[in-house]
Amino acid sequence: MADTISAPEQTEAHVLPSIKMQHNSQRRPLRHKLDVQALFNITIENLYTCFAKVVPDATQQRFVAEILERVNACDHPGIDDPVGILKLVASEYDLQKGDEWIATSPIGTIIVSCAYALRASRAQRHGDVEIAWSYMADARFWSGAAIADKGIGEVIEQTRASTRVDSAKLGNDGRNRAYNIYRRMAWRLVRQKRPQQRGWQSVRHAAETIRKPFLQFVEAVASANARREERNKTLPRGQAKKLVVIPKTATIERRLRDWFAEMPDRGQLFPPAKTGRPKSKKTVS
């Protein structure tokens, strides 16, 4: 397709960007040239392809009207829950059927990915580059789910199942749950501080870069935890106390790399690990 989808201006301060629909497998930019706008165009092209698979007689104009324009008009950046995003664009009829029904929508992942892609494009136009990359990471994740023909409910359930398995492997104890706040902050930082032009050179590069802001966050949590410990001393005997866990700073980069490996969008954030031939052992004659 070489047509151009141009959506009319909205009443809001921003407008939907013009989207050139093309075969991205043939014209995809080189990886080091993939900025937010290039990834936006690729993501929207992928979403249109997915839309055409599910909707009979789909056209570019219908995709713009039923997905792009509707999401652009109804989306609210304060809603970050996938089902919550779907509810913003759902009809009253669908809303009455409940969240489980809405989560089964065959175009649910398309809508959620589109919402994040539009937020990314909007953030970039406003100069919020780090936020734009963070939104684009979410857009690419949900675009992948759409390409794999997965519904919102299926993705959420798989995530829950994966979390249960991971928790079981790690003992499913309170100590592991207490680390979630650090894990989530590490994920947020690695998305926000991803270099705009060439991305992360390696997982180690990312860990070294976010180490300082991450440790600043740890210090803030430690200060809050000190106050929490004092409150814990006043709790009645037998009442469960909130665990206070601070990661060891000596091994923080290794822990960061471990957390990066658990990210659902790690394949889009980091280059594949280099594999080379094993060095042959020298024989002594």
C-alpha atoms as a PDB file:
ATOM      1  CA  MET A   1       0.000   0.000   0.000  1.00  0.00           C
ATOM      2  CA  ALA A   2       1.286   3.433  -0.862  1.00  0.00           C
ATOM      3  CA  ASP A   3      -1.758   5.473   0.097  1.00  0.00           C
ATOM      4  CA  THR A   4      -1.591   8.124   2.778  1.00  0.00           C
ATOM      5  CA  ILE A   5      -4.038   8.123   5.657  1.00  0.00           C
ATOM      6  CA  SER A   6      -4.712  11.665   6.741  1.00  0.00           C
ATOM      7  CA  ALA A   7      -7.124  12.207   9.626  1.00  0.00           C
ATOM      8  CA  PRO A   8      -8.945  15.534  10.021  1.00  0.00           C
ATOM      9  CA  GLU A   9      -7.895  17.932  12.730  1.00  0.00           C
ATOM     10  CA  GLN A  10      -9.400  17.430  16.152  1.00  0.00           C
ATOM     11  CA  THR A  11     -10.842  20.019  18.491  1.00  0.00           C
ATOM     12  CA  GLU A  12      -7.901  19.354  20.832  1.00  0.00           C
ATOM     13  CA  ALA A  13      -4.563  21.142  20.545  1.00  0.00           C
ATOM     14  CA  HIS A  14      -2.994  18.130  18.805  1.00  0.00           C
ATOM     15  CA  VAL A  15      -3.889  16.437  15.538  1.00  0.00           C
ATOM     16  CA  LEU A  16      -3.515  12.909  14.335  1.00  0.00           C
ATOM     17  CA  PRO A  17      -0.327  12.560  12.292  1.00  0.00           C
ATOM     18  CA  SER A  18      -0.389  11.583   8.633  1.00  0.00           C
ATOM     19  CA  ILE A  19       0.420   7.919   8.280  1.00  0.00           C
ATOM     20  CA  LYS A  20       1.986   6.463   5.171  1.00  0.00           C
ATOM     21  CA  MET A  21       0.899   2.879   4.795  1.00  0.00           C
ATOM     22  CA  GLN A  22       3.641   0.857   3.138  1.00  0.00           C
ATOM     23  CA  HIS A  23       5.282  -2.539   3.252  1.00  0.00           C
ATOM     24  CA  ASN A  24       7.567  -1.968   6.217  1.00  0.00           C
ATOM     25  CA  SER A  25       9.398  -5.221   5.601  1.00  0.00           C
ATOM     26  CA  GLN A  26      10.804  -3.643   2.420  1.00  0.00           C
ATOM     27  CA  ARG A  27      11.156  -0.010   3.526  1.00  0.00           C
ATOM     28  CA  ARG A  28      11.773  -0.328   7.239  1.00  0.00           C
ATOM     29  CA  PRO A  29      14.462   2.201   8.317  1.00  0.00           C
ATOM     30  CA  LEU A  30      17.779   0.967   9.631  1.00  0.00           C
ATOM     31  CA  ARG A  31      17.636   0.210  13.355  1.00  0.00           C
ATOM     32  CA  HIS A  32      19.822   3.162  14.336  1.00  0.00           C
ATOM     33  CA  LYS A  33      17.426   5.471  12.463  1.00  0.00           C
ATOM     34  CA  LEU A  34      14.324   4.230  14.276  1.00  0.00           C
ATOM     35  CA  ASP A  35      13.070   7.230  16.236  1.00  0.00           C
ATOM     36  CA  VAL A  36       9.678   7.534  17.946  1.00  0.00           C
ATOM     37  CA  GLN A  37       7.935   8.765  14.787  1.00  0.00           C
ATOM     38  CA  ALA A  38       9.367   5.953  12.638  1.00  0.00           C
ATOM     39  CA  LEU A  39       8.263   3.356  15.187  1.00  0.00           C
ATOM     40  CA  PHE A  40       4.868   5.069  15.391  1.00  0.00           C
ATOM     41  CA  ASN A  41       4.374   4.647  11.627  1.00  0.00           C
ATOM     42  CA  ILE A  42       5.515   1.018  11.710  1.00  0.00           C
ATOM     43  CA  THR A  43       3.239   0.262  14.672  1.00  0.00           C
ATOM     44  CA  ILE A  44       0.186   1.835  13.007  1.00  0.00           C
ATOM     45  CA  GLU A  45       0.900  -0.091   9.798  1.00  0.00           C
ATOM     46  CA  ASN A  46       1.026  -3.326  11.808  1.00  0.00           C
ATOM     47  CA  LEU A  47      -2.202  -2.451  13.613  1.00  0.00           C
ATOM     48  CA  TYR A  48      -3.976  -1.751  10.319  1.00  0.00           C
ATOM     49  CA  THR A  49      -2.862  -5.175   9.055  1.00  0.00           C
ATOM     50  CA  CYS A  50      -4.261  -6.783  12.222  1.00  0.00           C
ATOM     51  CA  PHE A  51      -7.487  -4.770  11.866  1.00  0.00           C
ATOM     52  CA  ALA A  52      -7.900  -5.988   8.293  1.00  0.00           C
ATOM     53  CA  LYS A  53      -7.658  -9.598   9.500  1.00  0.00           C
ATOM     54  CA  VAL A  54     -10.493  -9.223  12.018  1.00  0.00           C
ATOM     55  CA  VAL A  55     -12.844  -6.749  10.366  1.00  0.00           C
ATOM     56  CA  PRO A  56     -14.597  -7.724   7.120  1.00  0.00           C
ATOM     57  CA  ASP A  57     -14.224  -5.210   4.259  1.00  0.00           C
ATOM     58  CA  ALA A  58     -11.709  -3.188   6.254  1.00  0.00           C
ATOM     59  CA  THR A  59     -10.389  -0.066   4.586  1.00  0.00           C
ATOM     60  CA  GLN A  60      -7.835   2.509   5.634  1.00  0.00           C
ATOM     61  CA  GLN A  61     -10.609   5.074   6.033  1.00  0.00           C
ATOM     62  CA  ARG A  62     -12.558   2.736   8.296  1.00  0.00           C
ATOM     63  CA  PHE A  63      -9.435   2.040  10.356  1.00  0.00           C
ATOM     64  CA  VAL A  64      -8.904   5.786  10.827  1.00  0.00           C
ATOM     65  CA  ALA A  65     -12.548   6.405  11.768  1.00  0.00           C
ATOM     66  CA  GLU A  66     -13.129   3.397  14.036  1.00  0.00           C
ATOM     67  CA  ILE A  67      -9.717   3.085  15.673  1.00  0.00           C
ATOM     68  CA  LEU A  68      -7.424   6.093  15.294  1.00  0.00           C
ATOM     69  CA  GLU A  69      -9.980   8.892  15.564  1.00  0.00           C
ATOM     70  CA  ARG A  70     -12.069   7.171  18.225  1.00  0.00           C
ATOM     71  CA  VAL A  71      -9.072   6.356  20.419  1.00  0.00           C
ATOM     72  CA  ASN A  72      -7.652   9.841  19.908  1.00  0.00           C
ATOM     73  CA  ALA A  73     -10.946  11.402  20.988  1.00  0.00           C
ATOM     74  CA  CYS A  74     -11.656   9.138  23.983  1.00  0.00           C
ATOM     75  CA  ASP A  75      -8.237   8.201  25.401  1.00  0.00           C
ATOM     76  CA  HIS A  76      -7.069   9.666  28.704  1.00  0.00           C
ATOM     77  CA  PRO A  77      -3.362   9.434  29.680  1.00  0.00           C
ATOM     78  CA  GLY A  78      -4.351   9.029  33.331  1.00  0.00           C
ATOM     79  CA  ILE A  79      -5.735   5.557  32.533  1.00  0.00           C
ATOM     80  CA  ASP A  80      -2.910   3.024  32.229  1.00  0.00           C
ATOM     81  CA  ASP A  81      -4.831  -0.218  32.718  1.00  0.00           C
ATOM     82  CA  PRO A  82      -5.479  -2.078  29.402  1.00  0.00           C
ATOM     83  CA  VAL A  83      -9.101  -2.877  30.246  1.00  0.00           C
ATOM     84  CA  GLY A  84      -9.533   0.699  31.479  1.00  0.00           C
ATOM     85  CA  ILE A  85      -8.304   1.997  28.105  1.00  0.00           C
ATOM     86  CA  LEU A  86     -10.788  -0.271  26.327  1.00  0.00           C
ATOM     87  CA  LYS A  87     -13.626   0.981  28.532  1.00  0.00           C
ATOM     88  CA  LEU A  88     -12.889   4.538  27.440  1.00  0.00           C
ATOM     89  CA  VAL A  89     -13.808   3.688  23.847  1.00  0.00           C
ATOM     90  CA  ALA A  90     -16.409   0.964  24.524  1.00  0.00           C
ATOM     91  CA  SER A  91     -20.099   1.494  23.833  1.00  0.00           C
ATOM     92  CA  GLU A  92     -22.658   1.672  26.627  1.00  0.00           C
ATOM     93  CA  TYR A  93     -23.936  -1.715  25.464  1.00  0.00           C
ATOM     94  CA  ASP A  94     -20.515  -3.323  25.935  1.00  0.00           C
ATOM     95  CA  LEU A  95     -19.911  -1.537  29.242  1.00  0.00           C
ATOM     96  CA  GLN A  96     -23.070  -3.087  30.665  1.00  0.00           C
ATOM     97  CA  LYS A  97     -21.680  -6.562  29.944  1.00  0.00           C
ATOM     98  CA  GLY A  98     -18.727  -6.029  32.290  1.00  0.00           C
ATOM     99  CA  ASP A  99     -14.942  -6.042  32.177  1.00  0.00           C
ATOM    100  CA  GLU A 100     -14.567  -9.725  31.263  1.00  0.00           C
ATOM    101  CA  TRP A 101     -16.695  -9.222  28.159  1.00  0.00           C
ATOM    102  CA  ILE A 102     -14.769  -6.101  27.146  1.00  0.00           C
ATOM    103  CA  ALA A 103     -11.445  -7.936  27.588  1.00  0.00           C
ATOM    104  CA  THR A 104     -12.503 -10.506  24.952  1.00  0.00           C
ATOM    105  CA  SER A 105     -12.801  -7.890  22.191  1.00  0.00           C
ATOM    106  CA  PRO A 106     -11.005  -9.132  19.051  1.00  0.00           C
ATOM    107  CA  ILE A 107      -9.663  -5.604  18.468  1.00  0.00           C
ATOM    108  CA  GLY A 108      -8.807  -4.966  22.132  1.00  0.00           C
ATOM    109  CA  THR A 109      -5.032  -5.244  21.722  1.00  0.00           C
ATOM    110  CA  ILE A 110      -5.218  -3.046  18.598  1.00  0.00           C
ATOM    111  CA  ILE A 111      -6.999  -0.304  20.547  1.00  0.00           C
ATOM    112  CA  VAL A 112      -4.605  -0.455  23.503  1.00  0.00           C
ATOM    113  CA  SER A 113      -1.521  -0.392  21.263  1.00  0.00           C
ATOM    114  CA  CYS A 114      -3.003   2.502  19.295  1.00  0.00           C
ATOM    115  CA  ALA A 115      -3.648   4.467  22.508  1.00  0.00           C
ATOM    116  CA  TYR A 116      -0.038   4.099  23.649  1.00  0.00           C
ATOM    117  CA  ALA A 117       1.298   4.917  20.165  1.00  0.00           C
ATOM    118  CA  LEU A 118      -0.745   8.130  20.032  1.00  0.00           C
ATOM    119  CA  ARG A 119       0.431   9.069  23.523  1.00  0.00           C
ATOM    120  CA  ALA A 120       4.034   8.496  22.410  1.00  0.00           C
ATOM    121  CA  SER A 121       3.616  10.681  19.316  1.00  0.00           C
ATOM    122  CA  ARG A 122       1.928  13.393  21.370  1.00  0.00           C
ATOM    123  CA  ALA A 123       4.632  13.315  24.055  1.00  0.00           C
ATOM    124  CA  GLN A 124       7.361  13.637  21.425  1.00  0.00           C
ATOM    125  CA  ARG A 125       5.679  16.687  19.877  1.00  0.00           C
ATOM    126  CA  HIS A 126       5.576  18.268  23.322  1.00  0.00           C
ATOM    127  CA  GLY A 127       9.283  17.590  23.832  1.00  0.00           C
ATOM    128  CA  ASP A 128       8.821  14.825  26.455  1.00  0.00           C
ATOM    129  CA  VAL A 129      11.230  12.417  24.767  1.00  0.00           C
ATOM    130  CA  GLU A 130      11.689  10.013  27.688  1.00  0.00           C
ATOM    131  CA  ILE A 131       7.932   9.713  28.220  1.00  0.00           C
ATOM    132  CA  ALA A 132       7.481   9.206  24.472  1.00  0.00           C
ATOM    133  CA  TRP A 133       9.876   6.231  24.488  1.00  0.00           C
ATOM    134  CA  SER A 134       8.129   4.788  27.539  1.00  0.00           C
ATOM    135  CA  TYR A 135       4.743   4.937  25.799  1.00  0.00           C
ATOM    136  CA  MET A 136       6.226   3.548  22.583  1.00  0.00           C
ATOM    137  CA  ALA A 137       7.582   0.512  24.460  1.00  0.00           C
ATOM    138  CA  ASP A 138       4.037  -0.239  25.658  1.00  0.00           C
ATOM    139  CA  ALA A 139       2.641   0.360  22.155  1.00  0.00           C
ATOM    140  CA  ARG A 140       5.096  -2.132  20.658  1.00  0.00           C
ATOM    141  CA  PHE A 141       4.322  -4.725  23.340  1.00  0.00           C
ATOM    142  CA  TRP A 142       0.575  -4.610  22.659  1.00  0.00           C
ATOM    143  CA  SER A 143       1.167  -4.466  18.910  1.00  0.00           C
ATOM    144  CA  GLY A 144       3.040  -7.749  19.262  1.00  0.00           C
ATOM    145  CA  ALA A 145       0.071  -9.202  21.133  1.00  0.00           C
ATOM    146  CA  ALA A 146      -2.239  -8.061  18.323  1.00  0.00           C
ATOM    147  CA  ILE A 147      -0.004  -9.652  15.675  1.00  0.00           C
ATOM    148  CA  ALA A 148      -0.069 -12.900  17.679  1.00  0.00           C
ATOM    149  CA  ASP A 149      -3.901 -12.761  17.688  1.00  0.00           C
ATOM    150  CA  LYS A 150      -4.046 -12.555  21.468  1.00  0.00           C
ATOM    151  CA  GLY A 151      -6.890 -10.847  23.275  1.00  0.00           C
ATOM    152  CA  ILE A 152      -6.477  -8.510  26.230  1.00  0.00           C
ATOM    153  CA  GLY A 153      -7.834 -11.126  28.626  1.00  0.00           C
ATOM    154  CA  GLU A 154      -5.454 -13.783  27.314  1.00  0.00           C
ATOM    155  CA  VAL A 155      -2.421 -11.499  27.691  1.00  0.00           C
ATOM    156  CA  ILE A 156      -3.442 -10.505  31.213  1.00  0.00           C
ATOM    157  CA  GLU A 157      -4.036 -14.129  32.211  1.00  0.00           C
ATOM    158  CA  GLN A 158      -0.688 -15.205  30.749  1.00  0.00           C
ATOM    159  CA  THR A 159       1.010 -12.391  32.643  1.00  0.00           C
ATOM    160  CA  ARG A 160      -0.675 -13.500  35.872  1.00  0.00           C
ATOM    161  CA  ALA A 161       0.297 -17.116  35.236  1.00  0.00           C
ATOM    162  CA  SER A 162       3.875 -16.094  34.487  1.00  0.00           C
ATOM    163  CA  THR A 163       3.947 -14.030  37.658  1.00  0.00           C
ATOM    164  CA  ARG A 164       2.650 -16.975  39.678  1.00  0.00           C
ATOM    165  CA  VAL A 165       5.327 -19.259  38.207  1.00  0.00           C
ATOM    166  CA  ASP A 166       8.075 -16.724  38.850  1.00  0.00           C
ATOM    167  CA  SER A 167       6.834 -16.175  42.379  1.00  0.00           C
ATOM    168  CA  ALA A 168       6.743 -19.912  43.011  1.00  0.00           C
ATOM    169  CA  LYS A 169      10.319 -20.276  41.786  1.00  0.00           C
ATOM    170  CA  LEU A 170      11.418 -17.512  44.107  1.00  0.00           C
ATOM    171  CA  GLY A 171       9.569 -18.893  47.103  1.00  0.00           C
ATOM    172  CA  ASN A 172       6.558 -16.574  46.758  1.00  0.00           C
ATOM    173  CA  ASP A 173       7.586 -14.926  50.008  1.00  0.00           C
ATOM    174  CA  GLY A 174       7.084 -11.436  51.322  1.00  0.00           C
ATOM    175  CA  ARG A 175      10.687 -10.547  50.677  1.00  0.00           C
ATOM    176  CA  ASN A 176      10.298 -11.056  46.927  1.00  0.00           C
ATOM    177  CA  ARG A 177       7.086  -9.012  46.862  1.00  0.00           C
ATOM    178  CA  ALA A 178       8.908  -6.214  48.647  1.00  0.00           C
ATOM    179  CA  TYR A 179      11.376  -6.023  45.748  1.00  0.00           C
ATOM    180  CA  ASN A 180       8.584  -5.253  43.262  1.00  0.00           C
ATOM    181  CA  ILE A 181       8.825  -1.532  43.922  1.00  0.00           C
ATOM    182  CA  TYR A 182      12.503  -1.581  42.877  1.00  0.00           C
ATOM    183  CA  ARG A 183      11.909  -3.853  39.908  1.00  0.00           C
ATOM    184  CA  ARG A 184       9.176  -1.592  38.552  1.00  0.00           C
ATOM    185  CA  MET A 185      11.325   1.521  39.014  1.00  0.00           C
ATOM    186  CA  ALA A 186      14.207  -0.170  37.170  1.00  0.00           C
ATOM    187  CA  TRP A 187      11.860  -1.000  34.280  1.00  0.00           C
ATOM    188  CA  ARG A 188      10.540   2.550  34.190  1.00  0.00           C
ATOM    189  CA  LEU A 189      14.026   4.077  34.197  1.00  0.00           C
ATOM    190  CA  VAL A 190      15.383   1.805  31.472  1.00  0.00           C
ATOM    191  CA  ARG A 191      12.446   2.757  29.233  1.00  0.00           C
ATOM    192  CA  GLN A 192      12.602   6.463  29.982  1.00  0.00           C
ATOM    193  CA  LYS A 193      16.385   6.835  29.646  1.00  0.00           C
ATOM    194  CA  ARG A 194      16.800   4.746  26.516  1.00  0.00           C
ATOM    195  CA  PRO A 195      19.054   6.750  24.114  1.00  0.00           C
ATOM    196  CA  GLN A 196      16.880   8.232  21.403  1.00  0.00           C
ATOM    197  CA  GLN A 197      19.108   7.622  18.391  1.00  0.00           C
ATOM    198  CA  ARG A 198      20.736   4.215  18.777  1.00  0.00           C
ATOM    199  CA  GLY A 199      19.009   2.744  21.810  1.00  0.00           C
ATOM    200  CA  TRP A 200      20.844   0.676  24.397  1.00  0.00           C
ATOM    201  CA  GLN A 201      24.141  -0.803  23.249  1.00  0.00           C
ATOM    202  CA  SER A 202      23.737  -3.696  25.685  1.00  0.00           C
ATOM    203  CA  VAL A 203      22.050  -4.719  28.920  1.00  0.00           C
ATOM    204  CA  ARG A 204      25.238  -3.767  30.763  1.00  0.00           C
ATOM    205  CA  HIS A 205      25.147  -0.292  29.155  1.00  0.00           C
ATOM    206  CA  ALA A 206      21.584   0.187  30.436  1.00  0.00           C
ATOM    207  CA  ALA A 207      22.446  -0.986  33.951  1.00  0.00           C
ATOM    208  CA  GLU A 208      25.455   1.338  34.186  1.00  0.00           C
ATOM    209  CA  THR A 209      23.408   4.296  32.901  1.00  0.00           C
ATOM    210  CA  ILE A 210      20.447   4.024  35.256  1.00  0.00           C
ATOM    211  CA  ARG A 211      22.538   3.014  38.281  1.00  0.00           C
ATOM    212  CA  LYS A 212      22.777   6.547  39.728  1.00  0.00           C
ATOM    213  CA  PRO A 213      19.074   7.559  39.462  1.00  0.00           C
ATOM    214  CA  PHE A 214      18.079   4.094  40.666  1.00  0.00           C
ATOM    215  CA  LEU A 215      20.263   4.390  43.785  1.00  0.00           C
ATOM    216  CA  GLN A 216      18.755   7.822  44.467  1.00  0.00           C
ATOM    217  CA  PHE A 217      15.363   6.142  44.452  1.00  0.00           C
ATOM    218  CA  VAL A 218      16.641   3.423  46.792  1.00  0.00           C
ATOM    219  CA  GLU A 219      17.866   6.108  49.217  1.00  0.00           C
ATOM    220  CA  ALA A 220      14.446   7.765  49.214  1.00  0.00           C
ATOM    221  CA  VAL A 221      12.758   4.432  49.916  1.00  0.00           C
ATOM    222  CA  ALA A 222      15.260   3.668  52.687  1.00  0.00           C
ATOM    223  CA  SER A 223      14.403   6.951  54.364  1.00  0.00           C
ATOM    224  CA  ALA A 224      10.687   6.183  54.189  1.00  0.00           C
ATOM    225  CA  ASN A 225      11.332   2.650  55.428  1.00  0.00           C
ATOM    226  CA  ALA A 226      13.139   3.986  58.498  1.00  0.00           C
ATOM    227  CA  ARG A 227       9.973   5.828  59.486  1.00  0.00           C
ATOM    228  CA  ARG A 228       7.936   2.704  58.752  1.00  0.00           C
ATOM    229  CA  GLU A 229      10.149   0.611  61.030  1.00  0.00           C
ATOM    230  CA  GLU A 230       9.486   3.008  63.877  1.00  0.00           C
ATOM    231  CA  ARG A 231       5.747   2.614  63.337  1.00  0.00           C
ATOM    232  CA  ASN A 232       6.151  -1.164  63.217  1.00  0.00           C
ATOM    233  CA  LYS A 233       7.517  -1.110  66.778  1.00  0.00           C
ATOM    234  CA  THR A 234       4.184   0.232  68.014  1.00  0.00           C
ATOM    235  CA  LEU A 235       2.072  -2.477  66.339  1.00  0.00           C
ATOM    236  CA  PRO A 236       0.294  -5.009  68.595  1.00  0.00           C
ATOM    237  CA  ARG A 237       2.037  -8.348  69.083  1.00  0.00           C
ATOM    238  CA  GLY A 238       1.007 -10.902  66.488  1.00  0.00           C
ATOM    239  CA  GLN A 239       0.113  -8.325  63.869  1.00  0.00           C
ATOM    240  CA  ALA A 240       2.044  -8.761  60.629  1.00  0.00           C
ATOM    241  CA  LYS A 241       4.645  -6.097  60.079  1.00  0.00           C
ATOM    242  CA  LYS A 242       5.427  -4.670  56.698  1.00  0.00           C
ATOM    243  CA  LEU A 243       8.705  -5.976  55.422  1.00  0.00           C
ATOM    244  CA  VAL A 244      11.444  -3.454  54.859  1.00  0.00           C
ATOM    245  CA  VAL A 245      13.842  -4.567  52.141  1.00  0.00           C
ATOM    246  CA  ILE A 246      16.697  -2.577  50.658  1.00  0.00           C
ATOM    247  CA  PRO A 247      18.711  -4.079  47.786  1.00  0.00           C
ATOM    248  CA  LYS A 248      22.438  -4.497  48.326  1.00  0.00           C
ATOM    249  CA  THR A 249      24.172  -1.687  46.460  1.00  0.00           C
ATOM    250  CA  ALA A 250      27.364  -3.708  45.947  1.00  0.00           C
ATOM    251  CA  THR A 251      25.640  -6.016  43.464  1.00  0.00           C
ATOM    252  CA  ILE A 252      23.041  -3.586  42.144  1.00  0.00           C
ATOM    253  CA  GLU A 253      24.118  -3.696  38.486  1.00  0.00           C
ATOM    254  CA  ARG A 254      23.848  -7.477  38.407  1.00  0.00           C
ATOM    255  CA  ARG A 255      20.401  -7.269  39.987  1.00  0.00           C
ATOM    256  CA  LEU A 256      19.354  -4.632  37.451  1.00  0.00           C
ATOM    257  CA  ARG A 257      20.436  -6.902  34.607  1.00  0.00           C
ATOM    258  CA  ASP A 258      18.395  -9.746  36.110  1.00  0.00           C
ATOM    259  CA  TRP A 259      15.315  -7.501  36.303  1.00  0.00           C
ATOM    260  CA  PHE A 260      15.797  -6.347  32.705  1.00  0.00           C
ATOM    261  CA  ALA A 261      15.693 -10.004  31.626  1.00  0.00           C
ATOM    262  CA  GLU A 262      12.169 -10.248  33.090  1.00  0.00           C
ATOM    263  CA  MET A 263      10.771  -7.315  31.057  1.00  0.00           C
ATOM    264  CA  PRO A 264       7.999  -8.247  28.596  1.00  0.00           C
ATOM    265  CA  ASP A 265       9.407  -5.778  26.025  1.00  0.00           C
ATOM    266  CA  ARG A 266      13.092  -6.642  26.531  1.00  0.00           C
ATOM    267  CA  GLY A 267      13.415  -7.761  22.899  1.00  0.00           C
ATOM    268  CA  GLN A 268      12.500  -4.261  21.728  1.00  0.00           C
ATOM    269  CA  LEU A 269      14.735  -2.456  24.221  1.00  0.00           C
ATOM    270  CA  PHE A 270      17.997  -4.392  24.031  1.00  0.00           C
ATOM    271  CA  PRO A 271      20.027  -5.776  21.126  1.00  0.00           C
ATOM    272  CA  PRO A 272      20.264  -9.560  20.912  1.00  0.00           C
ATOM    273  CA  ALA A 273      23.165 -11.091  22.780  1.00  0.00           C
ATOM    274  CA  LYS A 274      26.187 -11.643  20.598  1.00  0.00           C
ATOM    275  CA  THR A 275      27.024 -15.242  19.957  1.00  0.00           C
ATOM    276  CA  GLY A 276      30.348 -16.288  18.544  1.00  0.00           C
ATOM    277  CA  ARG A 277      32.255 -19.436  17.911  1.00  0.00           C
ATOM    278  CA  PRO A 278      33.693 -21.014  21.019  1.00  0.00           C
ATOM    279  CA  LYS A 279      37.419 -20.623  21.167  1.00  0.00           C
ATOM    280  CA  SER A 280      39.213 -23.831  20.319  1.00  0.00           C
ATOM    281  CA  LYS A 281      41.474 -25.168  23.005  1.00  0.00           C
ATOM    282  CA  LYS A 282      45.137 -25.189  22.145  1.00  0.00           C
ATOM    283  CA  THR A 283      46.778 -28.551  22.383  1.00  0.00           C
ATOM    284  CA  VAL A 284      50.283 -28.896  23.669  1.00  0.00           C
ATOM    285  CA  SER A 285      52.363 -31.318  21.660  1.00  0.00           C
END
